[in-house]
N, C-alpha and C. Protein backbone atom coordinates (compact mmCIF):
# COMPACT_ATOMS: atom_id res chain seq x y z
N MET A 1 0.88 -1.14 0.07
CA MET A 1 0.21 0.02 -0.03
C MET A 1 0.88 1.29 0.03
N THR A 2 0.52 2.25 -0.87
CA THR A 2 1.35 3.58 -0.87
C THR A 2 0.37 4.70 -0.75
N THR A 3 0.83 5.46 0.36
CA THR A 3 -0.11 6.72 0.67
C THR A 3 0.63 7.86 -0.06
N THR A 4 -0.16 8.56 -0.70
CA THR A 4 0.43 9.93 -1.26
C THR A 4 -0.19 11.19 -0.53
N ASN A 5 0.77 11.90 -0.33
CA ASN A 5 0.27 13.23 0.56
C ASN A 5 1.17 14.42 0.24
N LEU A 6 0.61 15.43 0.22
CA LEU A 6 1.59 16.82 0.05
C LEU A 6 2.42 17.10 1.12
N TYR A 7 2.09 16.41 2.26
CA TYR A 7 2.78 16.89 3.46
C TYR A 7 2.62 15.69 4.44
N ALA A 8 3.29 14.62 4.36
CA ALA A 8 3.17 13.41 5.11
C ALA A 8 3.89 13.19 6.36
N CYS A 9 4.46 14.22 6.98
CA CYS A 9 5.05 14.04 8.16
C CYS A 9 4.17 13.67 9.37
N THR A 10 2.95 13.93 9.31
CA THR A 10 2.11 13.54 10.44
C THR A 10 1.31 12.27 10.18
N LYS A 11 1.36 11.88 8.89
CA LYS A 11 0.94 10.45 8.83
C LYS A 11 2.03 9.41 8.34
N SER A 12 1.58 8.22 8.61
CA SER A 12 2.65 7.20 8.36
C SER A 12 2.33 6.83 6.85
N VAL A 13 3.69 6.74 6.29
CA VAL A 13 3.78 6.30 4.71
C VAL A 13 4.45 5.09 4.61
N SER A 14 3.89 4.05 3.96
CA SER A 14 4.60 2.79 3.77
C SER A 14 6.02 3.02 3.05
N SER A 15 6.69 2.16 3.31
CA SER A 15 8.01 2.06 2.54
C SER A 15 8.24 0.84 1.68
N ASP A 16 7.21 0.29 1.12
CA ASP A 16 7.26 -0.56 0.22
C ASP A 16 7.88 -0.27 -1.11
N GLN A 17 8.03 -1.20 -2.12
CA GLN A 17 8.68 -0.80 -3.29
C GLN A 17 7.90 -0.21 -4.31
N SER A 18 6.72 0.13 -4.01
CA SER A 18 5.87 0.60 -5.19
C SER A 18 6.30 2.20 -5.55
N SER A 19 6.11 2.38 -6.67
CA SER A 19 6.44 3.76 -7.16
C SER A 19 4.99 4.37 -7.78
N ILE A 20 4.93 5.65 -7.62
CA ILE A 20 3.83 6.39 -8.28
C ILE A 20 4.26 7.37 -9.32
N THR A 21 3.85 7.35 -10.56
CA THR A 21 4.02 8.54 -11.37
C THR A 21 2.64 9.23 -11.54
N ALA A 22 2.65 10.53 -11.73
CA ALA A 22 1.43 11.20 -12.12
C ALA A 22 1.46 12.22 -13.20
N SER A 23 0.49 12.47 -13.89
CA SER A 23 0.35 13.48 -14.88
C SER A 23 -0.93 14.27 -14.72
N SER A 24 -0.84 15.53 -15.03
CA SER A 24 -2.16 16.16 -14.83
C SER A 24 -3.18 16.37 -16.16
N ASP A 25 -2.75 15.35 -17.14
CA ASP A 25 -3.44 15.36 -18.45
C ASP A 25 -4.84 14.93 -18.17
N SER A 26 -5.83 14.96 -18.99
CA SER A 26 -7.15 14.67 -18.94
C SER A 26 -7.39 13.24 -18.55
N THR A 27 -6.36 12.33 -19.13
CA THR A 27 -6.48 10.84 -18.97
C THR A 27 -5.51 10.66 -17.89
N MET A 28 -5.73 10.52 -16.60
CA MET A 28 -4.63 10.37 -15.75
C MET A 28 -3.88 9.00 -16.02
N SER A 29 -2.50 9.23 -15.90
CA SER A 29 -1.64 8.24 -16.25
C SER A 29 -0.95 7.64 -15.05
N SER A 30 -1.52 7.92 -13.94
CA SER A 30 -0.90 7.48 -12.52
C SER A 30 -1.16 5.93 -12.61
N VAL A 31 -0.11 5.18 -12.15
CA VAL A 31 -0.19 3.82 -12.00
C VAL A 31 0.62 3.47 -10.72
N VAL A 32 0.24 2.37 -10.17
CA VAL A 32 1.03 1.91 -8.83
C VAL A 32 1.65 0.55 -9.36
N SER A 33 2.94 0.61 -9.35
CA SER A 33 3.61 -0.83 -9.81
C SER A 33 4.10 -1.54 -8.42
N GLY A 34 3.48 -2.56 -8.34
CA GLY A 34 3.66 -3.27 -7.09
C GLY A 34 4.56 -4.53 -7.23
N GLU A 35 4.48 -5.45 -6.36
CA GLU A 35 5.57 -6.63 -6.57
C GLU A 35 4.89 -7.30 -7.75
N GLY A 36 5.64 -7.97 -8.61
CA GLY A 36 5.22 -8.89 -9.70
C GLY A 36 5.12 -7.93 -10.96
N GLY A 37 5.29 -6.63 -10.81
CA GLY A 37 5.03 -5.71 -12.04
C GLY A 37 3.58 -5.45 -12.34
N SER A 38 2.70 -5.84 -11.54
CA SER A 38 1.30 -5.51 -11.75
C SER A 38 1.14 -4.09 -11.64
N GLN A 39 0.11 -3.60 -12.53
CA GLN A 39 -0.19 -2.17 -12.60
C GLN A 39 -1.73 -1.89 -12.37
N ALA A 40 -2.02 -0.88 -11.66
CA ALA A 40 -3.43 -0.56 -11.48
C ALA A 40 -3.67 0.99 -11.43
N ARG A 41 -4.70 1.53 -12.16
CA ARG A 41 -4.96 3.00 -12.16
C ARG A 41 -5.29 3.42 -10.86
N LEU A 42 -4.86 4.49 -10.55
CA LEU A 42 -5.34 5.05 -9.24
C LEU A 42 -6.56 5.83 -9.47
N ALA A 43 -6.81 6.44 -10.46
CA ALA A 43 -8.02 7.33 -10.88
C ALA A 43 -8.09 7.50 -12.30
N SER A 44 -9.28 7.93 -12.86
CA SER A 44 -9.48 8.18 -14.34
C SER A 44 -9.04 9.55 -14.63
N SER A 45 -8.75 10.53 -13.77
CA SER A 45 -8.46 11.85 -13.83
C SER A 45 -7.60 12.40 -12.68
N LEU A 46 -6.83 13.45 -12.92
CA LEU A 46 -6.18 14.15 -11.67
C LEU A 46 -7.52 14.57 -10.69
N SER A 47 -8.47 15.27 -11.17
CA SER A 47 -9.64 15.60 -10.48
C SER A 47 -10.23 14.44 -9.72
N ASP A 48 -10.30 13.28 -10.29
CA ASP A 48 -10.91 12.17 -9.44
C ASP A 48 -9.82 11.80 -8.39
N LEU A 49 -8.52 11.73 -8.60
CA LEU A 49 -7.60 11.42 -7.65
C LEU A 49 -7.64 12.27 -6.57
N ILE A 50 -7.66 13.59 -6.85
CA ILE A 50 -7.90 14.61 -5.75
C ILE A 50 -9.17 14.37 -4.94
N SER A 51 -10.21 14.20 -5.50
CA SER A 51 -11.46 13.91 -4.88
C SER A 51 -11.33 12.73 -3.87
N GLN A 52 -10.73 11.61 -4.30
CA GLN A 52 -10.45 10.59 -3.56
C GLN A 52 -9.68 10.79 -2.29
N GLU A 53 -8.61 11.59 -2.48
CA GLU A 53 -7.78 12.06 -1.37
C GLU A 53 -8.52 12.90 -0.47
N LEU A 54 -9.44 13.85 -0.97
CA LEU A 54 -10.11 14.77 -0.11
C LEU A 54 -11.17 13.98 0.88
N GLN A 55 -11.48 12.54 0.56
CA GLN A 55 -12.39 11.97 1.53
C GLN A 55 -11.54 11.39 2.71
N ASP A 56 -10.29 11.59 2.67
CA ASP A 56 -9.61 11.12 4.06
C ASP A 56 -9.76 12.01 5.03
N GLN A 57 -10.48 11.48 6.14
CA GLN A 57 -10.65 12.38 7.31
C GLN A 57 -9.52 12.71 8.00
N ASP A 58 -8.20 12.09 7.89
CA ASP A 58 -7.10 12.46 8.50
C ASP A 58 -6.15 13.60 8.01
N LEU A 59 -6.77 14.17 6.82
CA LEU A 59 -5.95 15.27 6.11
C LEU A 59 -6.02 16.47 7.14
N SER A 60 -4.84 17.10 7.04
CA SER A 60 -4.67 18.41 7.95
C SER A 60 -5.43 19.50 7.12
N ASP A 61 -5.69 20.62 7.54
CA ASP A 61 -6.33 21.77 7.02
C ASP A 61 -5.37 22.19 5.88
N PHE A 62 -4.16 22.11 6.20
CA PHE A 62 -3.12 22.50 5.21
C PHE A 62 -3.38 21.72 3.98
N GLN A 63 -3.27 20.48 4.11
CA GLN A 63 -3.44 19.43 2.98
C GLN A 63 -4.68 19.61 2.08
N ARG A 64 -5.76 19.79 2.97
CA ARG A 64 -7.14 20.00 2.27
C ARG A 64 -7.16 21.20 1.45
N VAL A 65 -6.58 22.36 1.93
CA VAL A 65 -6.65 23.54 1.20
C VAL A 65 -5.81 23.51 -0.07
N ILE A 66 -4.51 22.87 0.02
CA ILE A 66 -3.84 22.72 -1.12
C ILE A 66 -4.55 21.65 -2.18
N LEU A 67 -5.11 20.71 -1.84
CA LEU A 67 -5.95 19.79 -2.61
C LEU A 67 -6.86 20.37 -3.41
N GLU A 68 -7.78 21.19 -2.58
CA GLU A 68 -8.79 21.91 -3.21
C GLU A 68 -8.42 22.87 -4.19
N ARG A 69 -7.43 23.61 -3.89
CA ARG A 69 -6.85 24.59 -4.92
C ARG A 69 -6.37 23.83 -6.13
N ALA A 70 -5.70 22.74 -6.02
CA ALA A 70 -5.16 21.91 -7.09
C ALA A 70 -6.34 21.37 -7.99
N LYS A 71 -7.31 20.96 -7.23
CA LYS A 71 -8.47 20.45 -8.01
C LYS A 71 -9.11 21.48 -9.04
N ASP A 72 -9.29 22.80 -8.33
CA ASP A 72 -9.80 23.91 -9.06
C ASP A 72 -8.87 24.41 -10.20
N ALA A 73 -7.43 24.25 -9.89
CA ALA A 73 -6.62 24.83 -10.93
C ALA A 73 -6.11 23.76 -11.91
N GLY A 74 -6.49 22.46 -11.53
CA GLY A 74 -5.85 21.29 -12.59
C GLY A 74 -4.45 20.90 -12.17
N GLY A 75 -3.92 21.28 -11.03
CA GLY A 75 -2.67 20.87 -10.74
C GLY A 75 -2.09 21.61 -9.39
N VAL A 76 -0.94 21.26 -8.78
CA VAL A 76 -0.54 21.97 -7.62
C VAL A 76 0.32 23.05 -8.14
N SER A 77 0.19 24.36 -7.55
CA SER A 77 0.96 25.46 -7.81
C SER A 77 2.48 25.35 -7.32
N VAL A 78 3.28 26.12 -7.95
CA VAL A 78 4.75 26.04 -7.51
C VAL A 78 4.67 26.50 -6.02
N SER A 79 4.06 27.59 -5.77
CA SER A 79 4.20 28.11 -4.33
C SER A 79 3.58 26.98 -3.29
N ASP A 80 2.47 26.30 -3.58
CA ASP A 80 1.87 25.34 -2.75
C ASP A 80 2.90 24.06 -2.79
N TYR A 81 3.62 23.82 -3.81
CA TYR A 81 4.37 22.60 -3.83
C TYR A 81 5.77 22.95 -2.89
N GLU A 82 6.20 24.08 -3.18
CA GLU A 82 7.19 24.65 -2.27
C GLU A 82 6.99 24.67 -0.78
N SER A 83 5.64 25.15 -0.46
CA SER A 83 5.40 25.31 0.76
C SER A 83 5.12 23.89 1.59
N ALA A 84 4.70 23.06 0.76
CA ALA A 84 4.50 21.58 1.29
C ALA A 84 5.91 20.99 1.65
N TRP A 85 6.84 21.07 0.81
CA TRP A 85 8.09 20.60 1.18
C TRP A 85 8.77 21.36 2.29
N SER A 86 8.60 22.73 2.33
CA SER A 86 9.14 23.47 3.47
C SER A 86 8.64 22.88 4.81
N GLY A 87 7.24 22.77 4.81
CA GLY A 87 6.40 22.08 5.93
C GLY A 87 7.14 20.80 6.49
N TYR A 88 7.19 19.87 5.43
CA TYR A 88 7.63 18.69 5.65
C TYR A 88 9.09 18.71 6.27
N ARG A 89 10.00 19.36 5.68
CA ARG A 89 11.28 19.54 6.13
C ARG A 89 11.16 20.09 7.59
N SER A 90 10.41 21.04 7.85
CA SER A 90 10.37 21.65 9.15
C SER A 90 9.80 20.41 10.23
N CYS A 91 8.70 19.75 9.84
CA CYS A 91 8.19 18.79 10.62
C CYS A 91 9.22 17.69 11.02
N MET A 92 9.94 17.29 10.02
CA MET A 92 10.71 16.25 10.34
C MET A 92 11.90 16.78 11.24
N LEU A 93 12.46 17.96 10.95
CA LEU A 93 13.46 18.58 11.91
C LEU A 93 12.78 18.53 13.29
N GLY A 94 11.55 18.90 13.40
CA GLY A 94 10.88 19.06 14.73
C GLY A 94 10.81 17.73 15.50
N LYS A 95 10.78 16.55 14.57
CA LYS A 95 10.67 15.20 15.31
C LYS A 95 12.19 14.71 15.57
N GLY A 96 13.03 15.58 15.36
CA GLY A 96 14.40 14.95 15.68
C GLY A 96 15.35 14.43 14.62
N TYR A 97 14.89 14.55 13.39
CA TYR A 97 15.77 14.11 12.14
C TYR A 97 16.88 15.03 12.18
N LYS A 98 17.90 14.64 11.54
CA LYS A 98 18.92 15.51 11.08
C LYS A 98 18.61 16.39 9.89
N GLU A 99 19.22 17.24 9.71
CA GLU A 99 19.19 18.26 8.62
C GLU A 99 18.73 17.53 7.36
N ILE A 100 17.62 17.95 6.69
CA ILE A 100 17.22 17.32 5.56
C ILE A 100 17.55 18.31 4.33
N LYS A 101 18.44 17.70 3.49
CA LYS A 101 18.85 18.48 2.44
C LYS A 101 18.01 18.01 0.98
N LEU A 102 17.20 18.99 0.67
CA LEU A 102 16.36 18.72 -0.41
C LEU A 102 17.04 19.07 -1.87
N ILE A 103 17.07 18.16 -2.74
CA ILE A 103 17.82 18.33 -3.98
C ILE A 103 16.76 18.54 -5.08
N LYS A 104 16.82 19.80 -5.71
CA LYS A 104 15.84 20.21 -6.43
C LYS A 104 16.37 19.94 -8.02
N PHE A 105 15.66 19.22 -8.72
CA PHE A 105 16.01 18.72 -10.12
C PHE A 105 15.54 19.89 -11.02
N PRO A 106 16.36 19.91 -12.35
CA PRO A 106 16.07 21.18 -13.12
C PRO A 106 14.51 21.31 -13.56
N ASN A 107 13.81 20.25 -13.34
CA ASN A 107 12.39 20.24 -13.68
C ASN A 107 11.63 20.92 -12.63
N GLY A 108 12.28 21.35 -11.51
CA GLY A 108 11.50 21.84 -10.41
C GLY A 108 11.01 20.94 -9.31
N ILE A 109 11.24 19.61 -9.47
CA ILE A 109 10.68 18.60 -8.46
C ILE A 109 11.82 18.15 -7.71
N TYR A 110 11.40 18.01 -6.40
CA TYR A 110 12.42 17.55 -5.38
C TYR A 110 12.42 15.98 -5.43
């Protein structure tokens, strides 16, 4: 099982070997690849995926607001993405983890 969140410091996230790739195009290309190479769609569109995530009662207000904005805009804004990573980093430091150095790739993704 894989949990995706914009700010997962307060939720447990599984550490299995699954990977998630997402696209904001009209036909969601997100797939979860598990053991044995099986694949399954997470949702038919980004909007549907966000709607599924918004049903999670454990979302923080921060997560809920960002997801609602992303659903309206068709994707997560750069400022919301940066804010989520900053919050995650601060949360992990607050929990006693060593300094977290984020590596930003040329495409803007950490």
